[in-house]
Amino acid sequence: MILFFAGLILYGVILNLREVTLQEAMSEKGIPKLNDVRLVVDRKNYRIELYSEKVLIKTYKAVFGKNSGTLKTSATDNVTPIGEYKICAIDTVSKYHKFLHLNYPNERDAAEAFKQKYIFEDELNAILLSAKNKECPPKETSLGSDVGIHGIGKYNVIFKNLPFTFNWTNGSIAVSNENIDELYSVIKVGAPVKITY
């Protein structure tokens, strides 16, 4: 069993050797500087696409929440939300190496959740107020929060080298520590992130 697992990791290492760095990708496209950086998260194909204006610069392998559902309705459902978000904060001391927080739940999520009776009026108002103030949503809502794009943390060597997809997060989007470092170097608070399925 140990030999099988070691073989899987070794195979994953070989596959990852072909990955180009962000600088190499920019050089290949003749782009010296990134402008209007945005991310498109493709849940169906397990990837994050990094764009500069309308040009696709690089694609990153990503994994998502343990629950493959398409509608996030609670803090504990482990679903990665679908919709249009923004980076609302950046944490460099996360247990997941680095963490780019999304403004989930946003106004649209809150309005729909209130309509469906997943949240009450006080939670709706708290989410709307944080959105108005351009802050991250409150952590105490029934929909949850603390959803974002992050690294793997201390198990990076194992998880980044798995040659298959293994969704393990609470609803966030995970990439390797090296890839979150690249994203951190070009993503600013306010950058748009579209999550599709």
N, C-alpha and C. Protein backbone atom coordinates (compact mmCIF):
# COMPACT_ATOMS: atom_id res chain seq x y z
N MET A 1 0.82 -1.19 0.00
CA MET A 1 0.00 0.00 0.00
C MET A 1 0.87 1.26 0.00
N ILE A 2 1.92 1.24 0.81
CA ILE A 2 2.82 2.39 0.88
C ILE A 2 3.50 2.60 -0.47
N LEU A 3 3.93 1.51 -1.10
CA LEU A 3 4.57 1.61 -2.41
C LEU A 3 3.60 2.17 -3.46
N PHE A 4 2.35 1.75 -3.39
CA PHE A 4 1.34 2.25 -4.33
C PHE A 4 1.15 3.76 -4.15
N PHE A 5 1.01 4.19 -2.90
CA PHE A 5 0.82 5.61 -2.60
C PHE A 5 2.05 6.42 -3.03
N ALA A 6 3.24 5.91 -2.75
CA ALA A 6 4.47 6.59 -3.15
C ALA A 6 4.55 6.69 -4.67
N GLY A 7 4.13 5.63 -5.37
CA GLY A 7 4.11 5.66 -6.83
C GLY A 7 3.16 6.70 -7.37
N LEU A 8 1.99 6.83 -6.72
CA LEU A 8 1.02 7.86 -7.13
C LEU A 8 1.62 9.26 -7.00
N ILE A 9 2.26 9.51 -5.85
CA ILE A 9 2.86 10.83 -5.61
C ILE A 9 3.97 11.09 -6.62
N LEU A 10 4.81 10.09 -6.89
CA LEU A 10 5.90 10.24 -7.86
C LEU A 10 5.34 10.55 -9.25
N TYR A 11 4.27 9.87 -9.62
CA TYR A 11 3.62 10.15 -10.90
C TYR A 11 3.11 11.59 -10.94
N GLY A 12 2.51 12.04 -9.83
CA GLY A 12 2.03 13.42 -9.74
C GLY A 12 3.16 14.43 -9.85
N VAL A 13 4.30 14.12 -9.23
CA VAL A 13 5.48 15.00 -9.32
C VAL A 13 5.91 15.14 -10.78
N ILE A 14 5.95 14.03 -11.49
CA ILE A 14 6.35 14.06 -12.91
C ILE A 14 5.37 14.91 -13.72
N LEU A 15 4.07 14.75 -13.47
CA LEU A 15 3.08 15.56 -14.18
C LEU A 15 3.25 17.05 -13.89
N ASN A 16 3.58 17.37 -12.64
CA ASN A 16 3.72 18.79 -12.25
C ASN A 16 4.99 19.43 -12.77
N LEU A 17 5.96 18.63 -13.21
CA LEU A 17 7.20 19.20 -13.74
C LEU A 17 6.94 20.02 -15.01
N ARG A 18 5.84 19.73 -15.69
CA ARG A 18 5.53 20.44 -16.95
C ARG A 18 4.87 21.80 -16.72
N GLU A 19 4.51 22.11 -15.49
CA GLU A 19 3.82 23.37 -15.21
C GLU A 19 4.77 24.55 -15.38
N VAL A 20 4.33 25.55 -16.13
CA VAL A 20 5.14 26.76 -16.33
C VAL A 20 4.84 27.76 -15.23
N THR A 21 5.81 28.61 -14.92
CA THR A 21 5.59 29.64 -13.91
C THR A 21 4.78 30.78 -14.52
N LEU A 22 4.28 31.66 -13.69
CA LEU A 22 3.54 32.82 -14.17
C LEU A 22 4.43 33.70 -15.04
N GLN A 23 5.67 33.89 -14.63
CA GLN A 23 6.60 34.72 -15.42
C GLN A 23 6.84 34.11 -16.80
N GLU A 24 6.98 32.78 -16.85
CA GLU A 24 7.16 32.10 -18.14
C GLU A 24 5.91 32.24 -19.01
N ALA A 25 4.74 32.13 -18.40
CA ALA A 25 3.49 32.27 -19.15
C ALA A 25 3.35 33.68 -19.71
N MET A 26 3.70 34.68 -18.90
CA MET A 26 3.65 36.08 -19.36
C MET A 26 4.63 36.30 -20.50
N SER A 27 5.82 35.74 -20.37
CA SER A 27 6.85 35.89 -21.40
C SER A 27 6.41 35.24 -22.71
N GLU A 28 5.80 34.03 -22.62
CA GLU A 28 5.31 33.33 -23.82
C GLU A 28 4.26 34.16 -24.57
N LYS A 29 3.46 34.92 -23.81
CA LYS A 29 2.40 35.73 -24.43
C LYS A 29 2.86 37.15 -24.76
N GLY A 30 4.11 37.45 -24.43
CA GLY A 30 4.64 38.79 -24.72
C GLY A 30 4.01 39.88 -23.87
N ILE A 31 3.64 39.55 -22.65
CA ILE A 31 2.99 40.52 -21.75
C ILE A 31 3.95 40.81 -20.60
N PRO A 32 4.50 42.03 -20.56
CA PRO A 32 5.45 42.36 -19.49
C PRO A 32 4.79 42.69 -18.14
N LYS A 33 3.51 43.14 -18.19
CA LYS A 33 2.83 43.56 -16.97
C LYS A 33 1.36 43.20 -17.07
N LEU A 34 0.79 42.74 -15.95
CA LEU A 34 -0.62 42.38 -15.94
C LEU A 34 -1.48 43.59 -15.60
N ASN A 35 -2.60 43.75 -16.31
CA ASN A 35 -3.54 44.85 -16.07
C ASN A 35 -4.94 44.29 -15.88
N ASP A 36 -5.73 44.93 -15.03
CA ASP A 36 -7.11 44.52 -14.78
C ASP A 36 -7.21 43.01 -14.58
N VAL A 37 -6.46 42.52 -13.61
CA VAL A 37 -6.39 41.09 -13.35
C VAL A 37 -7.74 40.60 -12.81
N ARG A 38 -8.19 39.48 -13.36
CA ARG A 38 -9.41 38.84 -12.88
C ARG A 38 -9.24 37.33 -12.97
N LEU A 39 -10.06 36.64 -12.18
CA LEU A 39 -10.00 35.18 -12.15
C LEU A 39 -11.34 34.60 -12.56
N VAL A 40 -11.29 33.51 -13.31
CA VAL A 40 -12.48 32.72 -13.62
C VAL A 40 -12.22 31.33 -13.05
N VAL A 41 -13.08 30.92 -12.13
CA VAL A 41 -12.96 29.61 -11.49
C VAL A 41 -13.94 28.66 -12.18
N ASP A 42 -13.41 27.63 -12.79
CA ASP A 42 -14.20 26.66 -13.55
C ASP A 42 -14.31 25.38 -12.73
N ARG A 43 -15.41 25.25 -12.01
CA ARG A 43 -15.57 24.08 -11.14
C ARG A 43 -15.67 22.79 -11.94
N LYS A 44 -16.31 22.85 -13.08
CA LYS A 44 -16.51 21.64 -13.89
C LYS A 44 -15.17 21.05 -14.36
N ASN A 45 -14.21 21.91 -14.68
CA ASN A 45 -12.92 21.45 -15.19
C ASN A 45 -11.79 21.58 -14.18
N TYR A 46 -12.12 21.87 -12.92
CA TYR A 46 -11.15 21.91 -11.83
C TYR A 46 -9.97 22.84 -12.12
N ARG A 47 -10.31 24.10 -12.42
CA ARG A 47 -9.21 25.04 -12.73
C ARG A 47 -9.60 26.48 -12.42
N ILE A 48 -8.55 27.28 -12.29
CA ILE A 48 -8.68 28.73 -12.16
C ILE A 48 -7.95 29.33 -13.35
N GLU A 49 -8.62 30.24 -14.05
CA GLU A 49 -7.99 30.93 -15.17
C GLU A 49 -7.67 32.35 -14.74
N LEU A 50 -6.42 32.74 -14.97
CA LEU A 50 -5.94 34.09 -14.64
C LEU A 50 -5.91 34.91 -15.91
N TYR A 51 -6.66 36.02 -15.90
CA TYR A 51 -6.73 36.90 -17.06
C TYR A 51 -6.09 38.25 -16.76
N SER A 52 -5.46 38.82 -17.77
CA SER A 52 -5.03 40.21 -17.77
C SER A 52 -5.83 40.87 -18.87
N GLU A 53 -6.71 41.79 -18.48
CA GLU A 53 -7.70 42.34 -19.40
C GLU A 53 -8.47 41.16 -20.00
N LYS A 54 -8.44 40.95 -21.31
CA LYS A 54 -9.20 39.83 -21.90
C LYS A 54 -8.32 38.66 -22.30
N VAL A 55 -7.03 38.72 -21.94
CA VAL A 55 -6.08 37.68 -22.36
C VAL A 55 -5.90 36.65 -21.24
N LEU A 56 -6.13 35.37 -21.57
CA LEU A 56 -5.88 34.29 -20.63
C LEU A 56 -4.37 34.12 -20.49
N ILE A 57 -3.86 34.31 -19.28
CA ILE A 57 -2.42 34.24 -19.05
C ILE A 57 -2.00 32.85 -18.60
N LYS A 58 -2.71 32.31 -17.62
CA LYS A 58 -2.30 31.01 -17.06
C LYS A 58 -3.51 30.31 -16.45
N THR A 59 -3.48 28.98 -16.48
CA THR A 59 -4.51 28.16 -15.87
C THR A 59 -3.88 27.36 -14.73
N TYR A 60 -4.58 27.34 -13.60
CA TYR A 60 -4.11 26.62 -12.41
C TYR A 60 -5.05 25.46 -12.09
N LYS A 61 -4.49 24.34 -11.68
CA LYS A 61 -5.28 23.20 -11.22
C LYS A 61 -5.86 23.55 -9.84
N ALA A 62 -7.16 23.29 -9.65
CA ALA A 62 -7.81 23.64 -8.38
C ALA A 62 -8.75 22.53 -7.93
N VAL A 63 -9.01 22.50 -6.63
CA VAL A 63 -10.03 21.61 -6.07
C VAL A 63 -10.99 22.45 -5.24
N PHE A 64 -12.12 21.84 -4.89
CA PHE A 64 -13.21 22.61 -4.30
C PHE A 64 -13.76 21.94 -3.04
N GLY A 65 -14.98 22.34 -2.67
CA GLY A 65 -15.63 21.80 -1.49
C GLY A 65 -15.94 20.32 -1.63
N LYS A 66 -16.02 19.64 -0.48
CA LYS A 66 -16.29 18.19 -0.46
C LYS A 66 -17.63 17.84 -1.08
N ASN A 67 -18.57 18.77 -1.02
CA ASN A 67 -19.90 18.55 -1.59
C ASN A 67 -19.92 19.16 -2.99
N SER A 68 -20.24 18.38 -3.99
CA SER A 68 -20.20 18.87 -5.38
C SER A 68 -21.46 19.60 -5.81
N GLY A 69 -22.35 19.89 -4.87
CA GLY A 69 -23.58 20.60 -5.20
C GLY A 69 -23.30 21.96 -5.84
N THR A 70 -24.33 22.54 -6.44
CA THR A 70 -24.15 23.83 -7.12
C THR A 70 -24.78 25.00 -6.37
N LEU A 71 -25.52 24.73 -5.29
CA LEU A 71 -26.16 25.80 -4.53
C LEU A 71 -25.71 25.72 -3.08
N LYS A 72 -25.03 26.77 -2.63
CA LYS A 72 -24.58 26.83 -1.24
C LYS A 72 -25.70 27.42 -0.40
N THR A 73 -26.17 26.67 0.60
CA THR A 73 -27.31 27.12 1.41
C THR A 73 -26.99 27.23 2.89
N SER A 74 -25.82 26.74 3.32
CA SER A 74 -25.48 26.84 4.75
C SER A 74 -23.98 26.84 4.95
N ALA A 75 -23.59 27.23 6.16
CA ALA A 75 -22.17 27.29 6.50
C ALA A 75 -21.53 25.91 6.54
N THR A 76 -22.34 24.88 6.71
CA THR A 76 -21.79 23.53 6.90
C THR A 76 -22.01 22.59 5.72
N ASP A 77 -22.48 23.12 4.58
CA ASP A 77 -22.79 22.21 3.47
C ASP A 77 -21.59 21.84 2.60
N ASN A 78 -20.45 22.48 2.81
CA ASN A 78 -19.20 22.17 2.08
C ASN A 78 -19.33 22.34 0.57
N VAL A 79 -20.21 23.24 0.12
CA VAL A 79 -20.39 23.53 -1.31
C VAL A 79 -19.59 24.78 -1.66
N THR A 80 -18.91 24.76 -2.79
CA THR A 80 -18.26 25.96 -3.31
C THR A 80 -19.31 26.78 -4.06
N PRO A 81 -19.52 28.03 -3.65
CA PRO A 81 -20.58 28.83 -4.28
C PRO A 81 -20.29 29.15 -5.73
N ILE A 82 -21.36 29.41 -6.48
CA ILE A 82 -21.26 29.83 -7.88
C ILE A 82 -21.76 31.25 -7.97
N GLY A 83 -21.04 32.10 -8.70
CA GLY A 83 -21.47 33.49 -8.85
C GLY A 83 -20.31 34.41 -9.10
N GLU A 84 -20.58 35.69 -9.01
CA GLU A 84 -19.56 36.72 -9.24
C GLU A 84 -19.21 37.39 -7.92
N TYR A 85 -17.94 37.35 -7.59
CA TYR A 85 -17.45 37.83 -6.31
C TYR A 85 -16.26 38.76 -6.51
N LYS A 86 -15.76 39.26 -5.38
CA LYS A 86 -14.54 40.07 -5.38
C LYS A 86 -13.66 39.59 -4.22
N ILE A 87 -12.37 39.81 -4.37
CA ILE A 87 -11.47 39.55 -3.25
C ILE A 87 -11.69 40.68 -2.24
N CYS A 88 -12.06 40.32 -1.00
CA CYS A 88 -12.35 41.35 0.00
C CYS A 88 -11.25 41.49 1.04
N ALA A 89 -10.36 40.51 1.15
CA ALA A 89 -9.23 40.59 2.09
C ALA A 89 -8.20 39.54 1.69
N ILE A 90 -6.98 39.76 2.13
CA ILE A 90 -5.89 38.82 1.84
C ILE A 90 -5.18 38.50 3.15
N ASP A 91 -5.06 37.21 3.46
CA ASP A 91 -4.46 36.76 4.71
C ASP A 91 -3.18 35.98 4.38
N THR A 92 -2.07 36.44 4.92
CA THR A 92 -0.79 35.77 4.65
C THR A 92 -0.33 34.88 5.81
N VAL A 93 -1.13 34.77 6.86
CA VAL A 93 -0.76 33.91 8.00
C VAL A 93 -1.79 32.80 8.21
N SER A 94 -2.41 32.38 7.15
CA SER A 94 -3.43 31.34 7.21
C SER A 94 -2.78 29.96 7.37
N LYS A 95 -3.53 29.02 7.96
CA LYS A 95 -3.02 27.65 8.03
C LYS A 95 -2.93 27.03 6.65
N TYR A 96 -3.57 27.67 5.67
CA TYR A 96 -3.52 27.21 4.28
C TYR A 96 -2.50 27.99 3.46
N HIS A 97 -1.48 28.49 4.12
CA HIS A 97 -0.37 29.21 3.50
C HIS A 97 -0.74 30.67 3.23
N LYS A 98 -1.60 30.92 2.26
CA LYS A 98 -2.14 32.25 2.00
C LYS A 98 -3.61 32.08 1.66
N PHE A 99 -4.41 33.11 1.95
CA PHE A 99 -5.86 33.00 1.77
C PHE A 99 -6.39 34.28 1.16
N LEU A 100 -6.98 34.18 -0.03
CA LEU A 100 -7.62 35.32 -0.70
C LEU A 100 -9.12 35.20 -0.42
N HIS A 101 -9.62 36.01 0.51
CA HIS A 101 -11.02 35.92 0.94
C HIS A 101 -11.96 36.49 -0.13
N LEU A 102 -13.05 35.77 -0.37
CA LEU A 102 -14.10 36.24 -1.28
C LEU A 102 -15.22 36.90 -0.48
N ASN A 103 -15.93 37.82 -1.13
CA ASN A 103 -17.05 38.48 -0.45
C ASN A 103 -18.32 37.61 -0.53
N TYR A 104 -18.16 36.33 -0.21
CA TYR A 104 -19.31 35.43 -0.10
C TYR A 104 -19.74 35.37 1.35
N PRO A 105 -21.02 35.51 1.63
CA PRO A 105 -22.14 35.77 0.73
C PRO A 105 -22.23 37.25 0.37
N ASN A 106 -22.48 37.52 -0.91
CA ASN A 106 -22.65 38.91 -1.34
C ASN A 106 -24.13 39.27 -1.33
N GLU A 107 -24.46 40.46 -1.85
CA GLU A 107 -25.85 40.93 -1.82
C GLU A 107 -26.80 39.96 -2.53
N ARG A 108 -26.37 39.44 -3.68
CA ARG A 108 -27.21 38.53 -4.45
C ARG A 108 -27.46 37.24 -3.68
N ASP A 109 -26.39 36.68 -3.08
CA ASP A 109 -26.54 35.46 -2.28
C ASP A 109 -27.48 35.69 -1.11
N ALA A 110 -27.31 36.84 -0.44
CA ALA A 110 -28.12 37.14 0.74
C ALA A 110 -29.59 37.32 0.37
N ALA A 111 -29.87 38.03 -0.71
CA ALA A 111 -31.25 38.26 -1.14
C ALA A 111 -31.93 36.94 -1.49
N GLU A 112 -31.23 36.09 -2.21
CA GLU A 112 -31.80 34.79 -2.59
C GLU A 112 -32.01 33.90 -1.36
N ALA A 113 -31.04 33.91 -0.44
CA ALA A 113 -31.16 33.11 0.77
C ALA A 113 -32.31 33.60 1.65
N PHE A 114 -32.50 34.91 1.72
CA PHE A 114 -33.61 35.47 2.50
C PHE A 114 -34.94 35.06 1.87
N LYS A 115 -35.00 35.14 0.55
CA LYS A 115 -36.22 34.76 -0.18
C LYS A 115 -36.57 33.28 0.06
N GLN A 116 -35.54 32.44 0.11
CA GLN A 116 -35.74 31.00 0.33
C GLN A 116 -35.83 30.63 1.82
N LYS A 117 -35.72 31.65 2.69
CA LYS A 117 -35.79 31.47 4.15
C LYS A 117 -34.60 30.69 4.73
N TYR A 118 -33.43 30.79 4.08
CA TYR A 118 -32.21 30.20 4.63
C TYR A 118 -31.62 31.11 5.70
N ILE A 119 -31.88 32.42 5.59
CA ILE A 119 -31.40 33.39 6.58
C ILE A 119 -32.57 34.29 6.99
N PHE A 120 -32.37 34.98 8.13
CA PHE A 120 -33.39 35.90 8.62
C PHE A 120 -33.00 37.33 8.27
N GLU A 121 -33.89 38.27 8.56
CA GLU A 121 -33.70 39.66 8.17
C GLU A 121 -32.46 40.29 8.80
N ASP A 122 -32.15 39.94 10.06
CA ASP A 122 -30.96 40.52 10.69
C ASP A 122 -29.68 40.10 9.97
N GLU A 123 -29.62 38.84 9.51
CA GLU A 123 -28.45 38.37 8.75
C GLU A 123 -28.39 39.05 7.39
N LEU A 124 -29.54 39.18 6.74
CA LEU A 124 -29.60 39.88 5.46
C LEU A 124 -29.06 41.29 5.60
N ASN A 125 -29.52 42.01 6.62
CA ASN A 125 -29.08 43.40 6.82
C ASN A 125 -27.59 43.49 7.13
N ALA A 126 -27.07 42.54 7.90
CA ALA A 126 -25.63 42.53 8.23
C ALA A 126 -24.79 42.32 6.96
N ILE A 127 -25.24 41.40 6.10
CA ILE A 127 -24.51 41.14 4.84
C ILE A 127 -24.60 42.35 3.92
N LEU A 128 -25.77 42.96 3.81
CA LEU A 128 -25.94 44.14 2.96
C LEU A 128 -25.09 45.31 3.47
N LEU A 129 -25.00 45.48 4.79
CA LEU A 129 -24.19 46.56 5.36
C LEU A 129 -22.71 46.34 5.06
N SER A 130 -22.23 45.10 5.20
CA SER A 130 -20.81 44.84 4.90
C SER A 130 -20.54 45.07 3.42
N ALA A 131 -21.48 44.72 2.55
CA ALA A 131 -21.30 44.96 1.12
C ALA A 131 -21.25 46.46 0.82
N LYS A 132 -22.14 47.21 1.46
CA LYS A 132 -22.17 48.67 1.27
C LYS A 132 -20.85 49.30 1.70
N ASN A 133 -20.27 48.78 2.78
CA ASN A 133 -19.00 49.31 3.30
C ASN A 133 -17.78 48.68 2.63
N LYS A 134 -18.02 47.84 1.62
CA LYS A 134 -16.95 47.14 0.88
C LYS A 134 -16.05 46.35 1.80
N GLU A 135 -16.67 45.64 2.74
CA GLU A 135 -15.97 44.79 3.70
C GLU A 135 -16.30 43.34 3.39
N CYS A 136 -15.52 42.43 3.98
CA CYS A 136 -15.87 41.02 3.89
C CYS A 136 -17.16 40.80 4.69
N PRO A 137 -17.99 39.85 4.28
CA PRO A 137 -19.23 39.57 4.99
C PRO A 137 -18.97 39.13 6.43
N PRO A 138 -19.95 39.32 7.31
CA PRO A 138 -19.79 38.86 8.70
C PRO A 138 -19.65 37.34 8.75
N LYS A 139 -18.88 36.86 9.71
CA LYS A 139 -18.62 35.42 9.82
C LYS A 139 -19.77 34.64 10.45
N GLU A 140 -20.70 35.33 11.10
CA GLU A 140 -21.71 34.64 11.90
C GLU A 140 -22.98 34.27 11.13
N THR A 141 -23.06 34.43 9.84
CA THR A 141 -24.31 34.16 9.14
C THR A 141 -24.52 32.65 8.93
N SER A 142 -25.78 32.28 8.75
CA SER A 142 -26.13 30.87 8.50
C SER A 142 -25.56 30.37 7.18
N LEU A 143 -25.31 31.29 6.25
CA LEU A 143 -24.73 30.90 4.95
C LEU A 143 -23.24 30.64 5.06
N GLY A 144 -22.66 31.06 6.17
CA GLY A 144 -21.22 30.93 6.34
C GLY A 144 -20.50 32.10 5.71
N SER A 145 -19.23 32.05 5.75
CA SER A 145 -18.36 33.02 5.08
C SER A 145 -16.98 32.38 5.12
N ASP A 146 -15.97 33.17 5.11
CA ASP A 146 -14.61 32.62 5.13
C ASP A 146 -14.40 31.65 3.98
N VAL A 147 -15.00 31.98 2.84
CA VAL A 147 -14.80 31.22 1.61
C VAL A 147 -13.83 32.01 0.76
N GLY A 148 -12.89 31.33 0.14
CA GLY A 148 -11.92 32.03 -0.69
C GLY A 148 -11.05 31.08 -1.48
N ILE A 149 -9.93 31.62 -1.91
CA ILE A 149 -8.94 30.84 -2.66
C ILE A 149 -7.72 30.74 -1.76
N HIS A 150 -7.26 29.53 -1.51
CA HIS A 150 -6.13 29.37 -0.60
C HIS A 150 -5.20 28.25 -1.05
N GLY A 151 -4.06 28.19 -0.37
CA GLY A 151 -3.10 27.12 -0.63
C GLY A 151 -3.50 25.86 0.11
N ILE A 152 -2.56 24.95 0.21
CA ILE A 152 -2.82 23.67 0.86
C ILE A 152 -2.29 23.67 2.28
N GLY A 153 -1.22 24.39 2.53
CA GLY A 153 -0.63 24.39 3.87
C GLY A 153 0.41 23.31 4.00
N LYS A 154 0.47 22.70 5.20
CA LYS A 154 1.57 21.78 5.49
C LYS A 154 1.52 20.47 4.70
N TYR A 155 0.37 20.13 4.13
CA TYR A 155 0.27 18.89 3.33
C TYR A 155 0.44 19.16 1.84
N ASN A 156 1.06 20.27 1.51
CA ASN A 156 1.22 20.69 0.12
C ASN A 156 1.87 19.62 -0.75
N VAL A 157 2.96 19.03 -0.27
CA VAL A 157 3.71 18.05 -1.09
C VAL A 157 2.82 16.88 -1.48
N ILE A 158 1.95 16.45 -0.57
CA ILE A 158 1.08 15.31 -0.87
C ILE A 158 -0.05 15.72 -1.81
N PHE A 159 -0.84 16.73 -1.40
CA PHE A 159 -2.05 17.06 -2.15
C PHE A 159 -1.77 17.64 -3.53
N LYS A 160 -0.72 18.44 -3.68
CA LYS A 160 -0.46 19.02 -5.00
C LYS A 160 0.03 17.98 -6.00
N ASN A 161 0.55 16.87 -5.49
CA ASN A 161 1.08 15.84 -6.38
C ASN A 161 0.16 14.65 -6.58
N LEU A 162 -1.07 14.75 -6.11
CA LEU A 162 -2.03 13.69 -6.40
C LEU A 162 -2.38 13.75 -7.89
N PRO A 163 -2.29 12.64 -8.62
CA PRO A 163 -2.58 12.67 -10.06
C PRO A 163 -4.07 12.57 -10.38
N PHE A 164 -4.90 12.75 -9.36
CA PHE A 164 -6.35 12.72 -9.55
C PHE A 164 -6.95 13.86 -8.73
N THR A 165 -8.21 14.16 -8.97
CA THR A 165 -8.88 15.25 -8.28
C THR A 165 -9.48 14.74 -6.97
N PHE A 166 -9.21 15.47 -5.90
CA PHE A 166 -9.73 15.14 -4.58
C PHE A 166 -10.25 16.41 -3.93
N ASN A 167 -11.56 16.62 -3.97
CA ASN A 167 -12.17 17.80 -3.35
C ASN A 167 -12.20 17.61 -1.83
N TRP A 168 -11.57 18.54 -1.10
CA TRP A 168 -11.43 18.35 0.34
C TRP A 168 -11.77 19.58 1.17
N THR A 169 -12.12 20.70 0.56
CA THR A 169 -12.29 21.93 1.34
C THR A 169 -13.70 22.06 1.92
N ASN A 170 -13.88 23.11 2.71
CA ASN A 170 -15.19 23.42 3.31
C ASN A 170 -16.07 24.23 2.37
N GLY A 171 -15.63 24.41 1.14
CA GLY A 171 -16.35 25.24 0.17
C GLY A 171 -15.42 26.24 -0.50
N SER A 172 -14.21 26.34 -0.01
CA SER A 172 -13.22 27.22 -0.63
C SER A 172 -12.59 26.56 -1.84
N ILE A 173 -11.71 27.29 -2.49
CA ILE A 173 -11.02 26.83 -3.69
C ILE A 173 -9.54 26.67 -3.30
N ALA A 174 -8.98 25.49 -3.49
CA ALA A 174 -7.60 25.25 -3.07
C ALA A 174 -6.70 25.00 -4.27
N VAL A 175 -5.52 25.61 -4.22
CA VAL A 175 -4.45 25.39 -5.20
C VAL A 175 -3.18 25.10 -4.40
N SER A 176 -2.12 24.72 -5.07
CA SER A 176 -0.87 24.44 -4.37
C SER A 176 -0.32 25.72 -3.72
N ASN A 177 0.55 25.55 -2.73
CA ASN A 177 1.17 26.71 -2.08
C ASN A 177 1.93 27.56 -3.09
N GLU A 178 2.59 26.91 -4.04
CA GLU A 178 3.35 27.66 -5.05
C GLU A 178 2.40 28.49 -5.92
N ASN A 179 1.25 27.91 -6.26
CA ASN A 179 0.30 28.63 -7.10
C ASN A 179 -0.39 29.77 -6.35
N ILE A 180 -0.69 29.57 -5.06
CA ILE A 180 -1.29 30.68 -4.31
C ILE A 180 -0.27 31.80 -4.15
N ASP A 181 1.01 31.47 -4.07
CA ASP A 181 2.05 32.51 -4.03
C ASP A 181 2.03 33.34 -5.31
N GLU A 182 1.88 32.67 -6.46
CA GLU A 182 1.81 33.40 -7.74
C GLU A 182 0.57 34.29 -7.78
N LEU A 183 -0.57 33.74 -7.39
CA LEU A 183 -1.80 34.54 -7.40
C LEU A 183 -1.69 35.72 -6.44
N TYR A 184 -1.13 35.49 -5.28
CA TYR A 184 -0.93 36.54 -4.28
C TYR A 184 -0.08 37.68 -4.85
N SER A 185 0.87 37.34 -5.70
CA SER A 185 1.77 38.36 -6.25
C SER A 185 1.08 39.30 -7.22
N VAL A 186 -0.09 38.92 -7.76
CA VAL A 186 -0.75 39.76 -8.77
C VAL A 186 -2.19 40.14 -8.42
N ILE A 187 -2.78 39.49 -7.43
CA ILE A 187 -4.18 39.76 -7.07
C ILE A 187 -4.22 40.81 -5.96
N LYS A 188 -5.10 41.78 -6.12
CA LYS A 188 -5.30 42.83 -5.12
C LYS A 188 -6.72 42.74 -4.57
N VAL A 189 -6.94 43.36 -3.42
CA VAL A 189 -8.30 43.47 -2.89
C VAL A 189 -9.16 44.19 -3.92
N GLY A 190 -10.34 43.65 -4.17
CA GLY A 190 -11.24 44.22 -5.17
C GLY A 190 -11.21 43.49 -6.50
N ALA A 191 -10.23 42.58 -6.69
CA ALA A 191 -10.15 41.85 -7.97
C ALA A 191 -11.38 40.97 -8.15
N PRO A 192 -11.99 40.97 -9.36
CA PRO A 192 -13.17 40.15 -9.59
C PRO A 192 -12.85 38.67 -9.76
N VAL A 193 -13.73 37.84 -9.22
CA VAL A 193 -13.60 36.38 -9.31
C VAL A 193 -14.97 35.83 -9.71
N LYS A 194 -15.03 35.18 -10.87
CA LYS A 194 -16.27 34.56 -11.33
C LYS A 194 -16.15 33.06 -11.16
N ILE A 195 -17.11 32.45 -10.44
CA ILE A 195 -17.09 31.01 -10.23
C ILE A 195 -18.22 30.40 -11.05
N THR A 196 -17.86 29.49 -11.95
CA THR A 196 -18.83 28.87 -12.83
C THR A 196 -18.87 27.37 -12.62
N TYR A 197 -19.91 26.73 -13.18
CA TYR A 197 -19.99 25.27 -13.14
C TYR A 197 -20.42 24.75 -14.49
